């Protein structure tokens, strides 16, 4: 009589392998999904920080130096290695140190600099990969636009503030978005 020790049925091993692969696949797909969610949230947090800082600097300060709007655009765009050129270390649109009251000449110069969008973006501190910006300052009669409007962007951070422009009410709208 033959004794059969350690027998197993081939269906048992097939069921075990199927269950193991199902659990393994579920684990990796869940891991990938959660990583994408975390990465998207980190991008939104980064853009929110950039937008918040940028709106505060533009609205609440006059920039550094405070008279940067008097510089020629060509002087601003030159290489910083030239000792005779004047440089803007921070753009600000406010008339005074108290902020919120924007200066018309600074806005006009800021709009003029839109022709050199990459220079402006770099000097505003928007250095994230693929981040863009759009600023719209509007009164009842006129609108001033700087930057690129997000047409098909999914991640857009929008900051809207009410300010004074030469003593009259205006709306300041800033969008920071990810170019995909």
Protein backbone atom coordinates (compact mmCIF):
# COMPACT_ATOMS: atom_id res chain seq x y z
CA UNK A 1 0.00 0.00 0.00
CA UNK A 2 1.38 3.39 -0.97
CA UNK A 3 1.20 6.26 1.46
CA UNK A 4 0.92 9.65 -0.12
CA UNK A 5 2.43 12.33 2.03
CA UNK A 6 2.49 16.05 1.18
CA UNK A 7 -0.07 15.88 -1.58
CA UNK A 8 -1.68 19.03 -2.82
CA UNK A 9 -4.24 19.69 -5.46
CA UNK A 10 -3.21 21.97 -8.35
CA UNK A 11 -6.40 24.06 -7.98
CA UNK A 12 -5.28 25.03 -4.47
CA UNK A 13 -2.03 26.52 -5.74
CA UNK A 14 -3.82 28.32 -8.57
CA UNK A 15 -6.29 29.88 -6.13
CA UNK A 16 -3.46 30.93 -3.79
CA UNK A 17 -1.47 32.55 -6.62
CA UNK A 18 -4.59 34.34 -7.88
CA UNK A 19 -5.36 35.76 -4.42
CA UNK A 20 -1.75 36.81 -3.87
CA UNK A 21 -1.57 38.62 -7.22
CA UNK A 22 -4.94 40.32 -6.61
CA UNK A 23 -3.80 41.62 -3.22
CA UNK A 24 -0.44 42.72 -4.64
CA UNK A 25 -2.09 44.54 -7.56
CA UNK A 26 -4.56 46.26 -5.22
CA UNK A 27 -1.74 47.41 -2.96
CA UNK A 28 0.31 48.95 -5.79
CA UNK A 29 -2.66 50.63 -7.50
CA UNK A 30 -3.77 52.16 -4.16
CA UNK A 31 -0.20 53.28 -3.49
CA UNK A 32 0.05 54.92 -6.92
CA UNK A 33 -3.34 56.63 -6.52
CA UNK A 34 -2.43 58.05 -3.11
CA UNK A 35 0.96 59.28 -4.38
CA UNK A 36 -0.79 61.18 -7.19
CA UNK A 37 -3.18 62.80 -4.71
CA UNK A 38 -0.30 63.82 -2.42
CA UNK A 39 1.74 65.19 -5.33
CA UNK A 40 -1.21 67.26 -6.62
CA UNK A 41 -1.79 68.65 -3.13
CA UNK A 42 1.89 69.60 -2.80
CA UNK A 43 1.71 71.45 -6.14
CA UNK A 44 -1.42 73.32 -5.00
CA UNK A 45 0.25 74.22 -1.69
CA UNK A 46 3.31 75.50 -3.56
CA UNK A 47 1.20 77.60 -5.92
CA UNK A 48 -0.88 78.95 -3.02
CA UNK A 49 2.29 80.06 -1.25
CA UNK A 50 3.59 81.74 -4.40
CA UNK A 51 0.26 83.49 -5.07
CA UNK A 52 -0.13 84.68 -1.49
CA UNK A 53 3.40 86.06 -1.30
CA UNK A 54 3.22 87.66 -4.73
CA UNK A 55 -0.09 89.40 -4.08
CA UNK A 56 1.19 90.73 -0.76
CA UNK A 57 4.40 92.08 -2.29
CA UNK A 58 2.62 93.70 -5.23
CA UNK A 59 -0.18 95.29 -3.20
CA UNK A 60 1.40 96.07 0.14
CA UNK A 61 4.81 97.42 -0.90
CA UNK A 62 6.18 100.00 -3.27
CA UNK A 63 8.95 97.67 -4.36
CA UNK A 64 12.68 97.97 -3.87
CA UNK A 65 13.89 100.49 -4.77
CA UNK A 66 10.70 102.44 -4.15
CA UNK A 67 11.09 104.50 -7.34
CA UNK A 68 11.56 101.58 -9.74
CA UNK A 69 8.86 102.89 -12.08
CA UNK A 70 11.18 105.77 -13.06
CA UNK A 71 13.76 103.38 -14.54
CA UNK A 72 13.80 102.82 -18.28
CA UNK A 73 12.47 99.44 -19.37
CA UNK A 74 15.67 98.86 -21.33
CA UNK A 75 17.68 99.42 -18.12
CA UNK A 76 15.58 96.87 -16.28
CA UNK A 77 16.05 94.22 -18.95
CA UNK A 78 19.84 94.53 -19.23
CA UNK A 79 22.31 92.06 -17.76
CA UNK A 80 22.92 92.63 -14.05
CA UNK A 81 26.70 92.57 -14.56
CA UNK A 82 26.70 96.20 -15.71
CA UNK A 83 27.60 98.51 -12.79
CA UNK A 84 25.93 101.59 -14.32
CA UNK A 85 22.47 100.02 -14.60
CA UNK A 86 19.72 100.34 -12.02
CA UNK A 87 18.07 97.16 -10.77
CA UNK A 88 14.73 96.31 -9.28
CA UNK A 89 15.02 93.73 -6.55
CA UNK A 90 11.28 93.62 -5.82
CA UNK A 91 8.34 94.93 -7.80
CA UNK A 92 5.61 96.62 -5.79
CA UNK A 93 2.65 98.62 -6.99
CA UNK A 94 1.79 100.53 -3.83
CA UNK A 95 2.13 104.29 -3.53
CA UNK A 96 3.37 104.21 0.04
CA UNK A 97 4.64 101.82 2.69
CA UNK A 98 1.13 101.33 4.11
CA UNK A 99 0.05 99.55 0.95
CA UNK A 100 -3.34 99.00 -0.67
CA UNK A 101 -3.25 102.35 -2.53
CA UNK A 102 -1.72 101.53 -5.90
CA UNK A 103 0.35 103.96 -7.96
CA UNK A 104 -0.76 104.55 -11.56
CA UNK A 105 2.79 104.99 -12.92
CA UNK A 106 3.92 101.72 -11.31
CA UNK A 107 1.00 99.87 -12.85
CA UNK A 108 1.73 101.39 -16.27
CA UNK A 109 5.40 100.34 -16.05
CA UNK A 110 4.38 96.87 -14.81
CA UNK A 111 2.09 96.46 -17.83
CA UNK A 112 4.91 97.69 -20.08
CA UNK A 113 7.14 94.93 -18.72
CA UNK A 114 4.61 92.31 -19.86
CA UNK A 115 6.38 92.31 -23.23
CA UNK A 116 9.26 90.59 -21.38
CA UNK A 117 7.10 88.01 -19.61
CA UNK A 118 9.92 85.59 -18.74
CA UNK A 119 12.01 88.39 -17.20
CA UNK A 120 9.01 89.55 -15.18
CA UNK A 121 8.11 86.03 -14.09
CA UNK A 122 11.65 85.35 -12.93
CA UNK A 123 11.93 88.63 -11.01
CA UNK A 124 8.58 88.04 -9.32
CA UNK A 125 9.94 84.77 -7.95
CA UNK A 126 7.78 82.38 -9.96
CA UNK A 127 10.39 79.72 -10.53
CA UNK A 128 8.42 76.49 -10.13
CA UNK A 129 8.42 74.09 -13.03
CA UNK A 130 5.63 75.08 -15.33
CA UNK A 131 4.10 77.79 -13.12
CA UNK A 132 2.62 80.83 -14.84
CA UNK A 133 0.84 83.95 -13.59
CA UNK A 134 -1.86 86.40 -14.60
CA UNK A 135 -2.64 89.76 -12.95
CA UNK A 136 -5.71 91.86 -13.71
CA UNK A 137 -6.23 95.22 -12.00
CA UNK A 138 -9.58 96.65 -12.97
CA UNK A 139 -11.54 99.77 -12.21
CA UNK A 140 -14.99 100.68 -13.49
CA UNK A 141 -13.48 102.24 -16.59
CA UNK A 142 -10.21 100.43 -17.31
CA UNK A 143 -8.42 97.13 -16.90
CA UNK A 144 -4.67 96.49 -16.66
CA UNK A 145 -3.48 92.99 -17.56
CA UNK A 146 -0.08 91.38 -17.07
CA UNK A 147 0.83 87.74 -17.65
CA UNK A 148 -0.79 84.81 -19.43
CA UNK A 149 -4.43 83.88 -18.84
CA UNK A 150 -4.96 80.20 -17.91
CA UNK A 151 -7.20 78.77 -20.63
CA UNK A 152 -7.02 75.01 -20.08
CA UNK A 153 -5.29 74.74 -16.72
CA UNK A 154 -6.64 72.38 -14.06
CA UNK A 155 -4.62 73.71 -11.12
CA UNK A 156 -5.35 77.42 -10.74
CA UNK A 157 -4.94 79.44 -7.55
CA UNK A 158 -6.99 82.62 -7.62
CA UNK A 159 -6.50 85.54 -5.23
CA UNK A 160 -8.80 88.51 -5.41
CA UNK A 161 -8.37 91.66 -3.33
CA UNK A 162 -9.95 95.06 -3.37
CA UNK A 163 -7.52 97.97 -3.48
CA UNK A 164 -7.40 101.67 -4.18
CA UNK A 165 -5.97 102.96 -7.45
CA UNK A 166 -5.14 106.63 -7.10
CA UNK A 167 -7.82 106.84 -4.39
CA UNK A 168 -10.55 105.03 -6.37
CA UNK A 169 -11.81 101.51 -5.77
CA UNK A 170 -10.29 98.77 -7.92
CA UNK A 171 -10.13 94.99 -8.00
CA UNK A 172 -6.80 93.15 -7.96
CA UNK A 173 -6.98 89.61 -9.32
CA UNK A 174 -3.98 87.26 -9.38
CA UNK A 175 -3.96 83.76 -10.81
CA UNK A 176 -1.03 81.38 -10.45
CA UNK A 177 -1.43 78.25 -12.50
CA UNK A 178 0.41 75.18 -13.64
CA UNK A 179 1.12 74.89 -17.35
CA UNK A 180 0.57 71.24 -18.22
